[in-house]
Amino acid sequence: MRTRESKKHKRKQLFMTLFIVLIMTSSVIGYMFGRDTTTSTKYNDHKFKSTNNRWITKVNNKELLFHYFPDQVDNLNMSEDIITILKNSAQIDLTSDLEDPFKQDIALAEFDFLNNLKHNKQFIRVGFTTDNEYNLSIITCETATSTVPVIYLKKANQTKVYQEENCIIIESRIEQDIIAIKDRIIYGILSII
């Protein structure tokens, strides 16, 4: 009878040992694959950290968030005159058509312009090209001046960025192009690219 109890006791110890090994192995696997994966890399003199499909860098001790790494957008075809005009402006006006099919991505781009350039001591004003229910300013290329340039974002048949006097027109064939061009412009204004 003692051998039966002894075997039961040994079996319990074996199950308990296996249970502890399983818990520890699961914990190690969970730690390895469940933690936030971040990578760091440099571009020019700026250190970038990748987290949750976004890129973070510090400018003037402020963390700025981007969707694209600089080398993903530095080859976008854009005149350096555009960057110079925007870089030297204390205020930049952003506008779009009220019912533009890309209005969500345009709104995201406008939000990023506001967040990233306020640290650069640039004022960003957002409006629409026509009267609107939000009581935002009416901003068009006709209202652009040398001291307050306008960025006009809109859907088009092809993606391109061009300048008409003091108005920078961003035409996008697909929504993602708006975000990529926005990142390229901000990188240029901040002298990252």
C-alpha atoms as a PDB file:
ATOM      1  CA  MET A   1       0.000   0.000   0.000  1.00  0.00           C
ATOM      2  CA  ARG A   2       2.905   2.300   0.700  1.00  0.00           C
ATOM      3  CA  THR A   3       4.267   1.814  -2.793  1.00  0.00           C
ATOM      4  CA  ARG A   4       0.920   2.858  -4.216  1.00  0.00           C
ATOM      5  CA  GLU A   5       0.973   6.085  -2.158  1.00  0.00           C
ATOM      6  CA  SER A   6       4.609   6.613  -3.048  1.00  0.00           C
ATOM      7  CA  LYS A   7       3.817   6.271  -6.765  1.00  0.00           C
ATOM      8  CA  LYS A   8       0.903   8.710  -6.403  1.00  0.00           C
ATOM      9  CA  HIS A   9       3.140  11.180  -4.641  1.00  0.00           C
ATOM     10  CA  LYS A  10       5.838  10.889  -7.325  1.00  0.00           C
ATOM     11  CA  ARG A  11       3.223  11.333 -10.061  1.00  0.00           C
ATOM     12  CA  LYS A  12       1.953  14.509  -8.364  1.00  0.00           C
ATOM     13  CA  GLN A  13       5.501  15.833  -8.138  1.00  0.00           C
ATOM     14  CA  LEU A  14       6.086  15.051 -11.836  1.00  0.00           C
ATOM     15  CA  PHE A  15       2.860  16.820 -12.870  1.00  0.00           C
ATOM     16  CA  MET A  16       3.714  19.802 -10.676  1.00  0.00           C
ATOM     17  CA  THR A  17       7.223  19.988 -12.151  1.00  0.00           C
ATOM     18  CA  LEU A  18       5.852  19.780 -15.708  1.00  0.00           C
ATOM     19  CA  PHE A  19       3.256  22.440 -14.876  1.00  0.00           C
ATOM     20  CA  ILE A  20       5.952  24.832 -13.560  1.00  0.00           C
ATOM     21  CA  VAL A  21       8.162  24.172 -16.620  1.00  0.00           C
ATOM     22  CA  LEU A  22       5.181  24.873 -18.914  1.00  0.00           C
ATOM     23  CA  ILE A  23       4.397  28.147 -17.107  1.00  0.00           C
ATOM     24  CA  MET A  24       8.014  29.309 -17.248  1.00  0.00           C
ATOM     25  CA  THR A  25       8.388  28.381 -20.921  1.00  0.00           C
ATOM     26  CA  SER A  26       5.151  30.199 -21.764  1.00  0.00           C
ATOM     27  CA  SER A  27       6.356  33.265 -19.872  1.00  0.00           C
ATOM     28  CA  VAL A  28       9.647  33.356 -21.755  1.00  0.00           C
ATOM     29  CA  ILE A  29       7.896  32.940 -25.126  1.00  0.00           C
ATOM     30  CA  GLY A  30       5.336  35.601 -24.194  1.00  0.00           C
ATOM     31  CA  TYR A  31       8.096  38.013 -23.202  1.00  0.00           C
ATOM     32  CA  MET A  32      10.062  37.416 -26.401  1.00  0.00           C
ATOM     33  CA  PHE A  33       7.151  37.817 -28.800  1.00  0.00           C
ATOM     34  CA  GLY A  34       4.727  39.966 -26.859  1.00  0.00           C
ATOM     35  CA  ARG A  35       6.858  42.965 -26.048  1.00  0.00           C
ATOM     36  CA  ASP A  36       6.712  46.192 -28.026  1.00  0.00           C
ATOM     37  CA  THR A  37       9.182  45.920 -30.850  1.00  0.00           C
ATOM     38  CA  THR A  38      11.085  49.106 -31.445  1.00  0.00           C
ATOM     39  CA  THR A  39      14.037  49.710 -33.673  1.00  0.00           C
ATOM     40  CA  SER A  40      16.333  52.689 -33.747  1.00  0.00           C
ATOM     41  CA  THR A  41      18.216  54.070 -36.701  1.00  0.00           C
ATOM     42  CA  LYS A  42      19.816  57.351 -37.732  1.00  0.00           C
ATOM     43  CA  TYR A  43      19.177  59.634 -40.674  1.00  0.00           C
ATOM     44  CA  ASN A  44      21.612  62.507 -41.048  1.00  0.00           C
ATOM     45  CA  ASP A  45      22.066  63.709 -37.450  1.00  0.00           C
ATOM     46  CA  HIS A  46      18.656  62.571 -36.238  1.00  0.00           C
ATOM     47  CA  LYS A  47      17.962  59.394 -34.306  1.00  0.00           C
ATOM     48  CA  PHE A  48      14.657  57.742 -35.224  1.00  0.00           C
ATOM     49  CA  LYS A  49      12.757  55.153 -33.243  1.00  0.00           C
ATOM     50  CA  SER A  50      10.235  52.928 -34.994  1.00  0.00           C
ATOM     51  CA  THR A  51       7.221  51.920 -32.961  1.00  0.00           C
ATOM     52  CA  ASN A  52       3.745  50.829 -33.983  1.00  0.00           C
ATOM     53  CA  ASN A  53       4.451  51.524 -37.678  1.00  0.00           C
ATOM     54  CA  ARG A  54       5.389  55.147 -36.951  1.00  0.00           C
ATOM     55  CA  TRP A  55       8.727  56.945 -36.764  1.00  0.00           C
ATOM     56  CA  ILE A  56       9.583  59.181 -33.815  1.00  0.00           C
ATOM     57  CA  THR A  57      12.433  61.675 -33.652  1.00  0.00           C
ATOM     58  CA  LYS A  58      13.263  64.599 -31.413  1.00  0.00           C
ATOM     59  CA  VAL A  59      13.574  68.151 -32.701  1.00  0.00           C
ATOM     60  CA  ASN A  60      14.217  70.930 -30.182  1.00  0.00           C
ATOM     61  CA  ASN A  61      13.669  68.366 -27.384  1.00  0.00           C
ATOM     62  CA  LYS A  62      10.141  67.593 -28.655  1.00  0.00           C
ATOM     63  CA  GLU A  63       9.129  64.183 -29.942  1.00  0.00           C
ATOM     64  CA  LEU A  64       7.667  64.363 -33.440  1.00  0.00           C
ATOM     65  CA  LEU A  65       5.716  61.578 -35.085  1.00  0.00           C
ATOM     66  CA  PHE A  66       5.935  60.608 -38.769  1.00  0.00           C
ATOM     67  CA  HIS A  67       4.412  57.880 -40.909  1.00  0.00           C
ATOM     68  CA  TYR A  68       7.425  57.467 -43.213  1.00  0.00           C
ATOM     69  CA  PHE A  69      11.151  57.254 -42.553  1.00  0.00           C
ATOM     70  CA  PRO A  70      13.036  60.094 -44.327  1.00  0.00           C
ATOM     71  CA  ASP A  71      14.678  57.856 -46.946  1.00  0.00           C
ATOM     72  CA  GLN A  72      11.216  56.619 -47.962  1.00  0.00           C
ATOM     73  CA  VAL A  73      10.160  60.137 -49.006  1.00  0.00           C
ATOM     74  CA  ASP A  74      13.370  62.029 -49.794  1.00  0.00           C
ATOM     75  CA  ASN A  75      13.127  61.126 -53.475  1.00  0.00           C
ATOM     76  CA  LEU A  76       9.654  62.653 -53.932  1.00  0.00           C
ATOM     77  CA  ASN A  77       9.784  65.116 -56.797  1.00  0.00           C
ATOM     78  CA  MET A  78       9.449  68.552 -55.251  1.00  0.00           C
ATOM     79  CA  SER A  79      11.130  71.885 -55.903  1.00  0.00           C
ATOM     80  CA  GLU A  80      13.446  73.124 -53.147  1.00  0.00           C
ATOM     81  CA  ASP A  81      11.771  76.524 -53.639  1.00  0.00           C
ATOM     82  CA  ILE A  82       8.629  75.054 -52.073  1.00  0.00           C
ATOM     83  CA  ILE A  83      10.508  74.016 -48.934  1.00  0.00           C
ATOM     84  CA  THR A  84      12.276  77.393 -48.764  1.00  0.00           C
ATOM     85  CA  ILE A  85       8.979  79.328 -48.981  1.00  0.00           C
ATOM     86  CA  LEU A  86       7.400  77.207 -46.231  1.00  0.00           C
ATOM     87  CA  LYS A  87      10.510  77.171 -44.030  1.00  0.00           C
ATOM     88  CA  ASN A  88      10.706  80.966 -44.038  1.00  0.00           C
ATOM     89  CA  SER A  89       7.026  81.521 -43.199  1.00  0.00           C
ATOM     90  CA  ALA A  90       5.778  82.265 -39.698  1.00  0.00           C
ATOM     91  CA  GLN A  91       2.297  81.141 -40.792  1.00  0.00           C
ATOM     92  CA  ILE A  92       1.151  78.503 -43.269  1.00  0.00           C
ATOM     93  CA  ASP A  93      -2.478  78.157 -44.355  1.00  0.00           C
ATOM     94  CA  LEU A  94      -3.829  74.711 -45.249  1.00  0.00           C
ATOM     95  CA  THR A  95      -6.925  74.229 -47.354  1.00  0.00           C
ATOM     96  CA  SER A  96      -8.949  71.604 -49.159  1.00  0.00           C
ATOM     97  CA  ASP A  97     -12.345  71.163 -50.763  1.00  0.00           C
ATOM     98  CA  LEU A  98     -15.069  70.429 -48.235  1.00  0.00           C
ATOM     99  CA  GLU A  99     -16.181  67.198 -49.924  1.00  0.00           C
ATOM    100  CA  ASP A 100     -12.827  65.968 -51.214  1.00  0.00           C
ATOM    101  CA  PRO A 101     -12.859  62.135 -51.490  1.00  0.00           C
ATOM    102  CA  PHE A 102      -9.606  62.036 -49.498  1.00  0.00           C
ATOM    103  CA  LYS A 103     -10.890  64.270 -46.703  1.00  0.00           C
ATOM    104  CA  GLN A 104      -9.890  61.846 -43.927  1.00  0.00           C
ATOM    105  CA  ASP A 105      -6.259  61.649 -45.037  1.00  0.00           C
ATOM    106  CA  ILE A 106      -6.231  65.397 -45.664  1.00  0.00           C
ATOM    107  CA  ALA A 107      -7.478  65.951 -42.101  1.00  0.00           C
ATOM    108  CA  LEU A 108      -4.735  63.644 -40.783  1.00  0.00           C
ATOM    109  CA  ALA A 109      -2.121  65.566 -42.783  1.00  0.00           C
ATOM    110  CA  GLU A 110      -3.438  68.870 -41.437  1.00  0.00           C
ATOM    111  CA  PHE A 111      -3.316  67.506 -37.880  1.00  0.00           C
ATOM    112  CA  ASP A 112       0.306  66.393 -38.372  1.00  0.00           C
ATOM    113  CA  PHE A 113       1.265  69.782 -39.841  1.00  0.00           C
ATOM    114  CA  LEU A 114      -0.245  71.439 -36.747  1.00  0.00           C
ATOM    115  CA  ASN A 115       1.435  69.105 -34.252  1.00  0.00           C
ATOM    116  CA  ASN A 116       4.865  68.972 -35.824  1.00  0.00           C
ATOM    117  CA  LEU A 117       5.284  72.593 -36.870  1.00  0.00           C
ATOM    118  CA  LYS A 118       4.031  74.239 -33.685  1.00  0.00           C
ATOM    119  CA  HIS A 119       7.360  73.195 -32.140  1.00  0.00           C
ATOM    120  CA  ASN A 120       9.048  75.048 -34.998  1.00  0.00           C
ATOM    121  CA  LYS A 121       7.223  78.206 -33.931  1.00  0.00           C
ATOM    122  CA  GLN A 122       5.099  78.205 -37.071  1.00  0.00           C
ATOM    123  CA  PHE A 123       1.403  78.987 -36.917  1.00  0.00           C
ATOM    124  CA  ILE A 124      -0.843  76.716 -38.975  1.00  0.00           C
ATOM    125  CA  ARG A 125      -4.338  77.823 -39.976  1.00  0.00           C
ATOM    126  CA  VAL A 126      -6.754  75.304 -41.476  1.00  0.00           C
ATOM    127  CA  GLY A 127      -9.699  76.146 -43.671  1.00  0.00           C
ATOM    128  CA  PHE A 128     -11.706  75.145 -46.729  1.00  0.00           C
ATOM    129  CA  THR A 129     -11.957  76.557 -50.234  1.00  0.00           C
ATOM    130  CA  THR A 130     -15.643  77.489 -49.712  1.00  0.00           C
ATOM    131  CA  ASP A 131     -18.122  78.404 -46.989  1.00  0.00           C
ATOM    132  CA  ASN A 132     -18.502  75.553 -44.550  1.00  0.00           C
ATOM    133  CA  GLU A 133     -20.612  74.502 -41.594  1.00  0.00           C
ATOM    134  CA  TYR A 134     -17.536  74.408 -39.342  1.00  0.00           C
ATOM    135  CA  ASN A 135     -17.016  78.181 -39.574  1.00  0.00           C
ATOM    136  CA  LEU A 136     -13.426  77.655 -40.672  1.00  0.00           C
ATOM    137  CA  SER A 137     -11.776  80.316 -42.776  1.00  0.00           C
ATOM    138  CA  ILE A 138     -12.168  80.355 -46.537  1.00  0.00           C
ATOM    139  CA  ILE A 139      -8.646  79.790 -47.819  1.00  0.00           C
ATOM    140  CA  THR A 140      -7.805  79.609 -51.514  1.00  0.00           C
ATOM    141  CA  CYS A 141      -4.736  80.042 -53.658  1.00  0.00           C
ATOM    142  CA  GLU A 142      -5.943  83.590 -54.265  1.00  0.00           C
ATOM    143  CA  THR A 143      -5.480  84.364 -50.546  1.00  0.00           C
ATOM    144  CA  ALA A 144      -1.860  83.156 -50.541  1.00  0.00           C
ATOM    145  CA  THR A 145       0.797  85.812 -49.957  1.00  0.00           C
ATOM    146  CA  SER A 146       4.572  85.810 -49.731  1.00  0.00           C
ATOM    147  CA  THR A 147       4.326  85.958 -45.924  1.00  0.00           C
ATOM    148  CA  VAL A 148       1.437  83.464 -45.594  1.00  0.00           C
ATOM    149  CA  PRO A 149       1.665  80.745 -48.247  1.00  0.00           C
ATOM    150  CA  VAL A 150      -1.186  78.307 -48.819  1.00  0.00           C
ATOM    151  CA  ILE A 151      -0.935  74.529 -49.122  1.00  0.00           C
ATOM    152  CA  TYR A 152      -3.892  73.214 -51.118  1.00  0.00           C
ATOM    153  CA  LEU A 153      -4.432  69.438 -50.734  1.00  0.00           C
ATOM    154  CA  LYS A 154      -6.686  67.588 -53.168  1.00  0.00           C
ATOM    155  CA  LYS A 155      -7.444  64.371 -55.005  1.00  0.00           C
ATOM    156  CA  ALA A 156      -6.325  64.244 -58.644  1.00  0.00           C
ATOM    157  CA  ASN A 157      -5.571  61.811 -61.475  1.00  0.00           C
ATOM    158  CA  GLN A 158      -1.854  61.854 -60.720  1.00  0.00           C
ATOM    159  CA  THR A 159       0.322  62.638 -57.738  1.00  0.00           C
ATOM    160  CA  LYS A 160       2.390  65.795 -57.962  1.00  0.00           C
ATOM    161  CA  VAL A 161       3.458  68.827 -55.956  1.00  0.00           C
ATOM    162  CA  TYR A 162       3.815  72.171 -57.654  1.00  0.00           C
ATOM    163  CA  GLN A 163       3.786  75.865 -56.955  1.00  0.00           C
ATOM    164  CA  GLU A 164       1.641  78.644 -58.386  1.00  0.00           C
ATOM    165  CA  GLU A 165       3.088  81.859 -56.980  1.00  0.00           C
ATOM    166  CA  ASN A 166       2.653  81.531 -53.186  1.00  0.00           C
ATOM    167  CA  CYS A 167       0.324  78.518 -53.342  1.00  0.00           C
ATOM    168  CA  ILE A 168       1.700  74.991 -53.034  1.00  0.00           C
ATOM    169  CA  ILE A 169      -0.665  72.480 -54.585  1.00  0.00           C
ATOM    170  CA  ILE A 170      -0.497  68.851 -53.515  1.00  0.00           C
ATOM    171  CA  GLU A 171      -2.421  66.603 -55.870  1.00  0.00           C
ATOM    172  CA  SER A 172      -2.735  62.944 -54.906  1.00  0.00           C
ATOM    173  CA  ARG A 173      -3.840  59.957 -56.922  1.00  0.00           C
ATOM    174  CA  ILE A 174      -4.074  57.763 -53.788  1.00  0.00           C
ATOM    175  CA  GLU A 175      -4.649  58.657 -50.142  1.00  0.00           C
ATOM    176  CA  GLN A 176      -1.236  57.469 -48.904  1.00  0.00           C
ATOM    177  CA  ASP A 177       0.515  59.982 -51.167  1.00  0.00           C
ATOM    178  CA  ILE A 178      -0.964  62.848 -49.144  1.00  0.00           C
ATOM    179  CA  ILE A 179       0.651  61.495 -45.979  1.00  0.00           C
ATOM    180  CA  ALA A 180       3.987  60.778 -47.695  1.00  0.00           C
ATOM    181  CA  ILE A 181       4.171  64.273 -49.208  1.00  0.00           C
ATOM    182  CA  LYS A 182       3.188  65.832 -45.876  1.00  0.00           C
ATOM    183  CA  ASP A 183       6.050  63.964 -44.164  1.00  0.00           C
ATOM    184  CA  ARG A 184       8.488  65.049 -46.909  1.00  0.00           C
ATOM    185  CA  ILE A 185       7.483  68.699 -46.537  1.00  0.00           C
ATOM    186  CA  ILE A 186       7.767  68.665 -42.744  1.00  0.00           C
ATOM    187  CA  TYR A 187      11.155  66.914 -42.913  1.00  0.00           C
ATOM    188  CA  GLY A 188      12.283  69.645 -45.312  1.00  0.00           C
ATOM    189  CA  ILE A 189      10.989  72.490 -43.145  1.00  0.00           C
ATOM    190  CA  LEU A 190      12.761  71.017 -40.113  1.00  0.00           C
ATOM    191  CA  SER A 191      15.994  70.497 -42.126  1.00  0.00           C
ATOM    192  CA  ILE A 192      15.939  66.753 -41.509  1.00  0.00           C
ATOM    193  CA  ILE A 193      16.076  66.144 -45.275  1.00  0.00           C
END
